[in-house]
Amino acid sequence: MKDKRKGKLDKHFHIIIEDKKVPILSYKISGQGERRILSVKTMIKSEIIPRLIGRPTKVSISTEKSVINILGECYLFAHFSPLYEIEFRIIEISESVF
């Protein structure tokens, strides 16, 4: 059982949601203006995510050249086996370049 979980974790990378590391497979920022959405996919259930529905939430995503900081409102947490999908309406977004 531990090998299966380790295999899943090896496919993920971490982002920071509300100062906690959360493993994800992928993310996508879509839309424009006031209709921007951050979509996150993972195979690892996180206990923090369901508690964020409807609350302003801080998300930090590190890339090779920058850190993307997002203030968003979590409005979707869905499980489509084997994936979990989380979506945030972006309130504010900034990027710090290294």
PDB file of N, CA and C in Angstrom:
ATOM      1  N   MET A   1       0.821  -1.201   0.000  1.00  0.00           N
ATOM      2  CA  MET A   1       0.000   0.000   0.000  1.00  0.00           C
ATOM      3  C   MET A   1       0.868   1.269   0.000  1.00  0.00           C
ATOM      4  N   LYS A   2       1.956   1.254   0.778  1.00  0.00           N
ATOM      5  CA  LYS A   2       2.825   2.423   0.831  1.00  0.00           C
ATOM      6  C   LYS A   2       3.479   2.679  -0.513  1.00  0.00           C
ATOM      7  N   ASP A   3       3.814   1.618  -1.252  1.00  0.00           N
ATOM      8  CA  ASP A   3       4.427   1.788  -2.565  1.00  0.00           C
ATOM      9  C   ASP A   3       3.481   2.490  -3.530  1.00  0.00           C
ATOM     10  N   LYS A   4       2.190   2.182  -3.452  1.00  0.00           N
ATOM     11  CA  LYS A   4       1.197   2.809  -4.325  1.00  0.00           C
ATOM     12  C   LYS A   4       1.108   4.309  -4.030  1.00  0.00           C
ATOM     13  N   ARG A   5       1.077   4.670  -2.737  1.00  0.00           N
ATOM     14  CA  ARG A   5       1.017   6.081  -2.355  1.00  0.00           C
ATOM     15  C   ARG A   5       2.301   6.798  -2.779  1.00  0.00           C
ATOM     16  N   LYS A   6       3.454   6.162  -2.593  1.00  0.00           N
ATOM     17  CA  LYS A   6       4.723   6.766  -2.999  1.00  0.00           C
ATOM     18  C   LYS A   6       4.748   6.992  -4.508  1.00  0.00           C
ATOM     19  N   GLY A   7       4.210   6.037  -5.269  1.00  0.00           N
ATOM     20  CA  GLY A   7       4.129   6.198  -6.718  1.00  0.00           C
ATOM     21  C   GLY A   7       3.300   7.410  -7.103  1.00  0.00           C
ATOM     22  N   LYS A   8       2.185   7.612  -6.393  1.00  0.00           N
ATOM     23  CA  LYS A   8       1.348   8.789  -6.647  1.00  0.00           C
ATOM     24  C   LYS A   8       2.103  10.069  -6.298  1.00  0.00           C
ATOM     25  N   LEU A   9       2.761  10.063  -5.138  1.00  0.00           N
ATOM     26  CA  LEU A   9       3.479  11.259  -4.697  1.00  0.00           C
ATOM     27  C   LEU A   9       4.611  11.629  -5.643  1.00  0.00           C
ATOM     28  N   ASP A  10       5.261  10.648  -6.229  1.00  0.00           N
ATOM     29  CA  ASP A  10       6.366  10.912  -7.151  1.00  0.00           C
ATOM     30  C   ASP A  10       5.918  11.684  -8.388  1.00  0.00           C
ATOM     31  N   LYS A  11       4.646  11.603  -8.737  1.00  0.00           N
ATOM     32  CA  LYS A  11       4.115  12.318  -9.903  1.00  0.00           C
ATOM     33  C   LYS A  11       3.749  13.765  -9.575  1.00  0.00           C
ATOM     34  N   HIS A  12       3.725  14.112  -8.294  1.00  0.00           N
ATOM     35  CA  HIS A  12       3.263  15.416  -7.834  1.00  0.00           C
ATOM     36  C   HIS A  12       4.419  16.367  -7.526  1.00  0.00           C
ATOM     37  N   PHE A  13       4.084  17.657  -7.442  1.00  0.00           N
ATOM     38  CA  PHE A  13       4.984  18.670  -6.900  1.00  0.00           C
ATOM     39  C   PHE A  13       4.163  19.485  -5.907  1.00  0.00           C
ATOM     40  N   HIS A  14       4.821  20.256  -5.079  1.00  0.00           N
ATOM     41  CA  HIS A  14       4.105  20.970  -4.010  1.00  0.00           C
ATOM     42  C   HIS A  14       3.850  22.430  -4.358  1.00  0.00           C
ATOM     43  N   ILE A  15       2.681  22.886  -3.941  1.00  0.00           N
ATOM     44  CA  ILE A  15       2.377  24.309  -3.906  1.00  0.00           C
ATOM     45  C   ILE A  15       2.021  24.616  -2.452  1.00  0.00           C
ATOM     46  N   ILE A  16       1.920  25.887  -2.131  1.00  0.00           N
ATOM     47  CA  ILE A  16       1.581  26.283  -0.771  1.00  0.00           C
ATOM     48  C   ILE A  16       0.160  26.858  -0.779  1.00  0.00           C
ATOM     49  N   ILE A  17      -0.709  26.252   0.031  1.00  0.00           N
ATOM     50  CA  ILE A  17      -2.075  26.758   0.200  1.00  0.00           C
ATOM     51  C   ILE A  17      -2.270  27.022   1.677  1.00  0.00           C
ATOM     52  N   GLU A  18      -2.541  28.285   2.009  1.00  0.00           N
ATOM     53  CA  GLU A  18      -2.710  28.686   3.406  1.00  0.00           C
ATOM     54  C   GLU A  18      -1.541  28.202   4.266  1.00  0.00           C
ATOM     55  N   ASP A  19      -0.330  28.447   3.794  1.00  0.00           N
ATOM     56  CA  ASP A  19       0.912  28.130   4.502  1.00  0.00           C
ATOM     57  C   ASP A  19       1.143  26.639   4.734  1.00  0.00           C
ATOM     58  N   LYS A  20       0.479  25.772   3.981  1.00  0.00           N
ATOM     59  CA  LYS A  20       0.687  24.328   4.082  1.00  0.00           C
ATOM     60  C   LYS A  20       1.037  23.777   2.706  1.00  0.00           C
ATOM     61  N   LYS A  21       1.996  22.829   2.663  1.00  0.00           N
ATOM     62  CA  LYS A  21       2.361  22.191   1.405  1.00  0.00           C
ATOM     63  C   LYS A  21       1.237  21.256   0.968  1.00  0.00           C
ATOM     64  N   VAL A  22       0.850  21.390  -0.295  1.00  0.00           N
ATOM     65  CA  VAL A  22      -0.184  20.536  -0.877  1.00  0.00           C
ATOM     66  C   VAL A  22       0.375  19.945  -2.170  1.00  0.00           C
ATOM     67  N   PRO A  23       0.400  18.602  -2.291  1.00  0.00           N
ATOM     68  CA  PRO A  23       0.918  17.984  -3.514  1.00  0.00           C
ATOM     69  C   PRO A  23      -0.108  18.073  -4.644  1.00  0.00           C
ATOM     70  N   ILE A  24       0.352  18.510  -5.831  1.00  0.00           N
ATOM     71  CA  ILE A  24      -0.551  18.591  -6.984  1.00  0.00           C
ATOM     72  C   ILE A  24       0.118  17.981  -8.209  1.00  0.00           C
ATOM     73  N   LEU A  25      -0.715  17.583  -9.172  1.00  0.00           N
ATOM     74  CA  LEU A  25      -0.229  17.085 -10.461  1.00  0.00           C
ATOM     75  C   LEU A  25      -0.040  18.224 -11.445  1.00  0.00           C
ATOM     76  N   SER A  26      -1.015  19.140 -11.464  1.00  0.00           N
ATOM     77  CA  SER A  26      -0.967  20.234 -12.430  1.00  0.00           C
ATOM     78  C   SER A  26      -1.837  21.395 -11.963  1.00  0.00           C
ATOM     79  N   TYR A  27      -1.586  22.553 -12.579  1.00  0.00           N
ATOM     80  CA  TYR A  27      -2.436  23.718 -12.347  1.00  0.00           C
ATOM     81  C   TYR A  27      -2.579  24.458 -13.664  1.00  0.00           C
ATOM     82  N   LYS A  28      -3.634  25.261 -13.742  1.00  0.00           N
ATOM     83  CA  LYS A  28      -3.868  26.069 -14.949  1.00  0.00           C
ATOM     84  C   LYS A  28      -4.556  27.352 -14.515  1.00  0.00           C
ATOM     85  N   ILE A  29      -4.077  28.465 -15.041  1.00  0.00           N
ATOM     86  CA  ILE A  29      -4.730  29.755 -14.828  1.00  0.00           C
ATOM     87  C   ILE A  29      -5.401  30.112 -16.142  1.00  0.00           C
ATOM     88  N   SER A  30      -6.705  30.309 -16.101  1.00  0.00           N
ATOM     89  CA  SER A  30      -7.449  30.595 -17.329  1.00  0.00           C
ATOM     90  C   SER A  30      -8.335  31.818 -17.139  1.00  0.00           C
ATOM     91  N   GLY A  31      -8.889  32.297 -18.231  1.00  0.00           N
ATOM     92  CA  GLY A  31      -9.751  33.463 -18.199  1.00  0.00           C
ATOM     93  C   GLY A  31      -8.951  34.748 -18.228  1.00  0.00           C
ATOM     94  N   GLN A  32      -9.663  35.845 -18.117  1.00  0.00           N
ATOM     95  CA  GLN A  32      -9.004  37.139 -18.115  1.00  0.00           C
ATOM     96  C   GLN A  32      -9.813  38.126 -17.308  1.00  0.00           C
ATOM     97  N   GLY A  33      -9.160  39.215 -16.921  1.00  0.00           N
ATOM     98  CA  GLY A  33      -9.824  40.247 -16.137  1.00  0.00           C
ATOM     99  C   GLY A  33     -10.355  39.693 -14.827  1.00  0.00           C
ATOM    100  N   GLU A  34     -11.615  39.992 -14.546  1.00  0.00           N
ATOM    101  CA  GLU A  34     -12.239  39.551 -13.295  1.00  0.00           C
ATOM    102  C   GLU A  34     -12.747  38.119 -13.358  1.00  0.00           C
ATOM    103  N   ARG A  35     -12.576  37.456 -14.474  1.00  0.00           N
ATOM    104  CA  ARG A  35     -13.071  36.081 -14.630  1.00  0.00           C
ATOM    105  C   ARG A  35     -11.923  35.069 -14.696  1.00  0.00           C
ATOM    106  N   ARG A  36     -10.837  35.342 -13.987  1.00  0.00           N
ATOM    107  CA  ARG A  36      -9.707  34.416 -13.982  1.00  0.00           C
ATOM    108  C   ARG A  36      -9.951  33.296 -12.975  1.00  0.00           C
ATOM    109  N   ILE A  37      -9.531  32.101 -13.352  1.00  0.00           N
ATOM    110  CA  ILE A  37      -9.734  30.902 -12.549  1.00  0.00           C
ATOM    111  C   ILE A  37      -8.399  30.165 -12.419  1.00  0.00           C
ATOM    112  N   LEU A  38      -8.108  29.686 -11.211  1.00  0.00           N
ATOM    113  CA  LEU A  38      -6.986  28.780 -10.973  1.00  0.00           C
ATOM    114  C   LEU A  38      -7.580  27.393 -10.784  1.00  0.00           C
ATOM    115  N   SER A  39      -7.206  26.456 -11.662  1.00  0.00           N
ATOM    116  CA  SER A  39      -7.653  25.065 -11.560  1.00  0.00           C
ATOM    117  C   SER A  39      -6.463  24.215 -11.148  1.00  0.00           C
ATOM    118  N   VAL A  40      -6.667  23.358 -10.144  1.00  0.00           N
ATOM    119  CA  VAL A  40      -5.616  22.507  -9.610  1.00  0.00           C
ATOM    120  C   VAL A  40      -6.098  21.066  -9.646  1.00  0.00           C
ATOM    121  N   LYS A  41      -5.221  20.148 -10.085  1.00  0.00           N
ATOM    122  CA  LYS A  41      -5.553  18.720 -10.095  1.00  0.00           C
ATOM    123  C   LYS A  41      -4.542  17.954  -9.260  1.00  0.00           C
ATOM    124  N   THR A  42      -5.034  16.957  -8.521  1.00  0.00           N
ATOM    125  CA  THR A  42      -4.187  16.124  -7.680  1.00  0.00           C
ATOM    126  C   THR A  42      -4.784  14.734  -7.554  1.00  0.00           C
ATOM    127  N   MET A  43      -3.950  13.791  -7.181  1.00  0.00           N
ATOM    128  CA  MET A  43      -4.425  12.438  -6.887  1.00  0.00           C
ATOM    129  C   MET A  43      -4.401  12.186  -5.377  1.00  0.00           C
ATOM    130  N   ILE A  44      -3.900  13.142  -4.622  1.00  0.00           N
ATOM    131  CA  ILE A  44      -3.759  13.016  -3.178  1.00  0.00           C
ATOM    132  C   ILE A  44      -4.779  13.929  -2.497  1.00  0.00           C
ATOM    133  N   LYS A  45      -5.676  13.339  -1.731  1.00  0.00           N
ATOM    134  CA  LYS A  45      -6.682  14.127  -1.024  1.00  0.00           C
ATOM    135  C   LYS A  45      -6.005  14.944   0.069  1.00  0.00           C
ATOM    136  N   SER A  46      -6.346  16.207   0.151  1.00  0.00           N
ATOM    137  CA  SER A  46      -5.807  17.100   1.170  1.00  0.00           C
ATOM    138  C   SER A  46      -6.935  17.485   2.124  1.00  0.00           C
ATOM    139  N   GLU A  47      -6.680  17.370   3.398  1.00  0.00           N
ATOM    140  CA  GLU A  47      -7.704  17.692   4.400  1.00  0.00           C
ATOM    141  C   GLU A  47      -8.001  19.181   4.466  1.00  0.00           C
ATOM    142  N   ILE A  48      -7.063  20.016   4.032  1.00  0.00           N
ATOM    143  CA  ILE A  48      -7.251  21.462   4.126  1.00  0.00           C
ATOM    144  C   ILE A  48      -8.253  21.994   3.095  1.00  0.00           C
ATOM    145  N   ILE A  49      -8.303  21.404   1.917  1.00  0.00           N
ATOM    146  CA  ILE A  49      -9.076  21.976   0.812  1.00  0.00           C
ATOM    147  C   ILE A  49     -10.576  22.098   1.115  1.00  0.00           C
ATOM    148  N   PRO A  50     -11.266  21.049   1.578  1.00  0.00           N
ATOM    149  CA  PRO A  50     -12.713  21.204   1.799  1.00  0.00           C
ATOM    150  C   PRO A  50     -13.071  22.320   2.783  1.00  0.00           C
ATOM    151  N   ARG A  51     -12.167  22.651   3.696  1.00  0.00           N
ATOM    152  CA  ARG A  51     -12.438  23.706   4.676  1.00  0.00           C
ATOM    153  C   ARG A  51     -12.307  25.102   4.081  1.00  0.00           C
ATOM    154  N   LEU A  52     -11.814  25.206   2.855  1.00  0.00           N
ATOM    155  CA  LEU A  52     -11.569  26.509   2.243  1.00  0.00           C
ATOM    156  C   LEU A  52     -12.724  27.007   1.391  1.00  0.00           C
ATOM    157  N   ILE A  53     -13.716  26.179   1.138  1.00  0.00           N
ATOM    158  CA  ILE A  53     -14.828  26.556   0.259  1.00  0.00           C
ATOM    159  C   ILE A  53     -15.455  27.872   0.736  1.00  0.00           C
ATOM    160  N   GLY A  54     -15.520  28.846  -0.180  1.00  0.00           N
ATOM    161  CA  GLY A  54     -16.153  30.128   0.107  1.00  0.00           C
ATOM    162  C   GLY A  54     -15.289  31.115   0.873  1.00  0.00           C
ATOM    163  N   ARG A  55     -14.056  30.751   1.190  1.00  0.00           N
ATOM    164  CA  ARG A  55     -13.169  31.639   1.952  1.00  0.00           C
ATOM    165  C   ARG A  55     -12.058  32.183   1.064  1.00  0.00           C
ATOM    166  N   PRO A  56     -11.640  33.434   1.296  1.00  0.00           N
ATOM    167  CA  PRO A  56     -10.441  33.923   0.613  1.00  0.00           C
ATOM    168  C   PRO A  56      -9.245  33.067   1.036  1.00  0.00           C
ATOM    169  N   THR A  57      -8.441  32.649   0.058  1.00  0.00           N
ATOM    170  CA  THR A  57      -7.362  31.697   0.290  1.00  0.00           C
ATOM    171  C   THR A  57      -6.098  32.157  -0.404  1.00  0.00           C
ATOM    172  N   LYS A  58      -4.955  32.032   0.294  1.00  0.00           N
ATOM    173  CA  LYS A  58      -3.658  32.379  -0.294  1.00  0.00           C
ATOM    174  C   LYS A  58      -3.031  31.130  -0.893  1.00  0.00           C
ATOM    175  N   VAL A  59      -2.572  31.245  -2.148  1.00  0.00           N
ATOM    176  CA  VAL A  59      -1.917  30.151  -2.858  1.00  0.00           C
ATOM    177  C   VAL A  59      -0.609  30.681  -3.429  1.00  0.00           C
ATOM    178  N   SER A  60       0.483  29.925  -3.224  1.00  0.00           N
ATOM    179  CA  SER A  60       1.782  30.278  -3.801  1.00  0.00           C
ATOM    180  C   SER A  60       2.274  29.110  -4.641  1.00  0.00           C
ATOM    181  N   ILE A  61       2.650  29.412  -5.871  1.00  0.00           N
ATOM    182  CA  ILE A  61       3.138  28.397  -6.799  1.00  0.00           C
ATOM    183  C   ILE A  61       4.542  28.807  -7.237  1.00  0.00           C
ATOM    184  N   SER A  62       5.524  27.959  -6.926  1.00  0.00           N
ATOM    185  CA  SER A  62       6.902  28.222  -7.339  1.00  0.00           C
ATOM    186  C   SER A  62       7.153  27.598  -8.702  1.00  0.00           C
ATOM    187  N   THR A  63       7.712  28.391  -9.607  1.00  0.00           N
ATOM    188  CA  THR A  63       8.137  27.891 -10.908  1.00  0.00           C
ATOM    189  C   THR A  63       9.658  27.996 -10.958  1.00  0.00           C
ATOM    190  N   GLU A  64      10.257  27.628 -12.073  1.00  0.00           N
ATOM    191  CA  GLU A  64      11.713  27.695 -12.187  1.00  0.00           C
ATOM    192  C   GLU A  64      12.247  29.112 -12.075  1.00  0.00           C
ATOM    193  N   LYS A  65      11.464  30.099 -12.508  1.00  0.00           N
ATOM    194  CA  LYS A  65      11.965  31.470 -12.567  1.00  0.00           C
ATOM    195  C   LYS A  65      11.199  32.465 -11.703  1.00  0.00           C
ATOM    196  N   SER A  66      10.100  32.024 -11.068  1.00  0.00           N
ATOM    197  CA  SER A  66       9.301  32.978 -10.311  1.00  0.00           C
ATOM    198  C   SER A  66       8.418  32.277  -9.275  1.00  0.00           C
ATOM    199  N   VAL A  67       7.749  33.099  -8.484  1.00  0.00           N
ATOM    200  CA  VAL A  67       6.726  32.622  -7.557  1.00  0.00           C
ATOM    201  C   VAL A  67       5.444  33.370  -7.894  1.00  0.00           C
ATOM    202  N   ILE A  68       4.381  32.617  -8.130  1.00  0.00           N
ATOM    203  CA  ILE A  68       3.079  33.208  -8.419  1.00  0.00           C
ATOM    204  C   ILE A  68       2.282  33.201  -7.117  1.00  0.00           C
ATOM    205  N   ASN A  69       1.863  34.382  -6.672  1.00  0.00           N
ATOM    206  CA  ASN A  69       1.061  34.510  -5.453  1.00  0.00           C
ATOM    207  C   ASN A  69      -0.362  34.867  -5.843  1.00  0.00           C
ATOM    208  N   ILE A  70      -1.296  34.093  -5.330  1.00  0.00           N
ATOM    209  CA  ILE A  70      -2.706  34.264  -5.695  1.00  0.00           C
ATOM    210  C   ILE A  70      -3.544  34.383  -4.439  1.00  0.00           C
ATOM    211  N   LEU A  71      -4.447  35.331  -4.438  1.00  0.00           N
ATOM    212  CA  LEU A  71      -5.513  35.388  -3.445  1.00  0.00           C
ATOM    213  C   LEU A  71      -6.766  35.010  -4.210  1.00  0.00           C
ATOM    214  N   GLY A  72      -7.387  33.927  -3.798  1.00  0.00           N
ATOM    215  CA  GLY A  72      -8.560  33.455  -4.521  1.00  0.00           C
ATOM    216  C   GLY A  72      -9.622  32.922  -3.586  1.00  0.00           C
ATOM    217  N   GLU A  73     -10.795  32.715  -4.130  1.00  0.00           N
ATOM    218  CA  GLU A  73     -11.901  32.137  -3.363  1.00  0.00           C
ATOM    219  C   GLU A  73     -12.160  30.739  -3.901  1.00  0.00           C
ATOM    220  N   CYS A  74     -11.999  29.743  -3.052  1.00  0.00           N
ATOM    221  CA  CYS A  74     -12.221  28.357  -3.445  1.00  0.00           C
ATOM    222  C   CYS A  74     -13.731  28.141  -3.625  1.00  0.00           C
ATOM    223  N   TYR A  75     -14.138  27.699  -4.806  1.00  0.00           N
ATOM    224  CA  TYR A  75     -15.557  27.480  -5.027  1.00  0.00           C
ATOM    225  C   TYR A  75     -15.888  26.075  -5.517  1.00  0.00           C
ATOM    226  N   LEU A  76     -14.862  25.258  -5.806  1.00  0.00           N
ATOM    227  CA  LEU A  76     -15.138  23.908  -6.291  1.00  0.00           C
ATOM    228  C   LEU A  76     -14.112  22.936  -5.729  1.00  0.00           C
ATOM    229  N   PHE A  77     -14.609  21.850  -5.166  1.00  0.00           N
ATOM    230  CA  PHE A  77     -13.767  20.735  -4.736  1.00  0.00           C
ATOM    231  C   PHE A  77     -14.507  19.488  -5.178  1.00  0.00           C
ATOM    232  N   ALA A  78     -13.971  18.807  -6.184  1.00  0.00           N
ATOM    233  CA  ALA A  78     -14.678  17.658  -6.760  1.00  0.00           C
ATOM    234  C   ALA A  78     -13.743  16.466  -6.850  1.00  0.00           C
ATOM    235  N   HIS A  79     -14.325  15.273  -6.767  1.00  0.00           N
ATOM    236  CA  HIS A  79     -13.549  14.041  -6.872  1.00  0.00           C
ATOM    237  C   HIS A  79     -14.064  13.262  -8.070  1.00  0.00           C
ATOM    238  N   PHE A  80     -13.209  13.128  -9.074  1.00  0.00           N
ATOM    239  CA  PHE A  80     -13.491  12.320 -10.253  1.00  0.00           C
ATOM    240  C   PHE A  80     -12.403  11.250 -10.264  1.00  0.00           C
ATOM    241  N   SER A  81     -12.681  10.128  -9.652  1.00  0.00           N
ATOM    242  CA  SER A  81     -11.686   9.098  -9.409  1.00  0.00           C
ATOM    243  C   SER A  81     -10.794   8.868 -10.629  1.00  0.00           C
ATOM    244  N   PRO A  82      -9.506   8.909 -10.499  1.00  0.00           N
ATOM    245  CA  PRO A  82      -8.676   9.017  -9.301  1.00  0.00           C
ATOM    246  C   PRO A  82      -8.267  10.447  -8.974  1.00  0.00           C
ATOM    247  N   LEU A  83      -8.828  11.454  -9.657  1.00  0.00           N
ATOM    248  CA  LEU A  83      -8.393  12.836  -9.475  1.00  0.00           C
ATOM    249  C   LEU A  83      -9.315  13.641  -8.576  1.00  0.00           C
ATOM    250  N   TYR A  84      -8.698  14.594  -7.890  1.00  0.00           N
ATOM    251  CA  TYR A  84      -9.427  15.635  -7.172  1.00  0.00           C
ATOM    252  C   TYR A  84      -9.182  16.920  -7.948  1.00  0.00           C
ATOM    253  N   GLU A  85     -10.223  17.720  -8.111  1.00  0.00           N
ATOM    254  CA  GLU A  85     -10.074  18.996  -8.809  1.00  0.00           C
ATOM    255  C   GLU A  85     -10.547  20.109  -7.887  1.00  0.00           C
ATOM    256  N   ILE A  86      -9.735  21.151  -7.801  1.00  0.00           N
ATOM    257  CA  ILE A  86     -10.041  22.299  -6.963  1.00  0.00           C
ATOM    258  C   ILE A  86      -9.981  23.527  -7.858  1.00  0.00           C
ATOM    259  N   GLU A  87     -10.968  24.423  -7.705  1.00  0.00           N
ATOM    260  CA  GLU A  87     -10.943  25.656  -8.498  1.00  0.00           C
ATOM    261  C   GLU A  87     -11.114  26.856  -7.591  1.00  0.00           C
ATOM    262  N   PHE A  88     -10.375  27.913  -7.933  1.00  0.00           N
ATOM    263  CA  PHE A  88     -10.402  29.165  -7.192  1.00  0.00           C
ATOM    264  C   PHE A  88     -10.738  30.303  -8.147  1.00  0.00           C
ATOM    265  N   ARG A  89     -11.641  31.193  -7.751  1.00  0.00           N
ATOM    266  CA  ARG A  89     -11.832  32.452  -8.472  1.00  0.00           C
ATOM    267  C   ARG A  89     -10.696  33.361  -8.015  1.00  0.00           C
ATOM    268  N   ILE A  90      -9.928  33.870  -8.953  1.00  0.00           N
ATOM    269  CA  ILE A  90      -8.777  34.705  -8.596  1.00  0.00           C
ATOM    270  C   ILE A  90      -9.249  36.115  -8.281  1.00  0.00           C
ATOM    271  N   ILE A  91      -8.921  36.561  -7.079  1.00  0.00           N
ATOM    272  CA  ILE A  91      -9.236  37.915  -6.633  1.00  0.00           C
ATOM    273  C   ILE A  91      -8.054  38.826  -6.963  1.00  0.00           C
ATOM    274  N   GLU A  92      -6.851  38.337  -6.680  1.00  0.00           N
ATOM    275  CA  GLU A  92      -5.635  39.112  -6.889  1.00  0.00           C
ATOM    276  C   GLU A  92      -4.508  38.150  -7.271  1.00  0.00           C
ATOM    277  N   ILE A  93      -3.650  38.575  -8.175  1.00  0.00           N
ATOM    278  CA  ILE A  93      -2.530  37.727  -8.594  1.00  0.00           C
ATOM    279  C   ILE A  93      -1.291  38.600  -8.780  1.00  0.00           C
ATOM    280  N   SER A  94      -0.140  38.087  -8.325  1.00  0.00           N
ATOM    281  CA  SER A  94       1.127  38.790  -8.532  1.00  0.00           C
ATOM    282  C   SER A  94       2.214  37.747  -8.765  1.00  0.00           C
ATOM    283  N   GLU A  95       3.296  38.198  -9.376  1.00  0.00           N
ATOM    284  CA  GLU A  95       4.399  37.274  -9.679  1.00  0.00           C
ATOM    285  C   GLU A  95       5.710  37.944  -9.281  1.00  0.00           C
ATOM    286  N   SER A  96       6.514  37.200  -8.533  1.00  0.00           N
ATOM    287  CA  SER A  96       7.851  37.655  -8.144  1.00  0.00           C
ATOM    288  C   SER A  96       8.866  36.875  -8.964  1.00  0.00           C
ATOM    289  N   VAL A  97       9.667  37.588  -9.744  1.00  0.00           N
ATOM    290  CA  VAL A  97      10.668  36.952 -10.606  1.00  0.00           C
ATOM    291  C   VAL A  97      11.985  36.903  -9.851  1.00  0.00           C
ATOM    292  N   PHE A  98      12.707  35.767  -9.985  1.00  0.00           N
ATOM    293  CA  PHE A  98      14.014  35.618  -9.328  1.00  0.00           C
ATOM    294  C   PHE A  98      15.068  36.357 -10.125  1.00  0.00           C
TER     295      PHE A  98
END
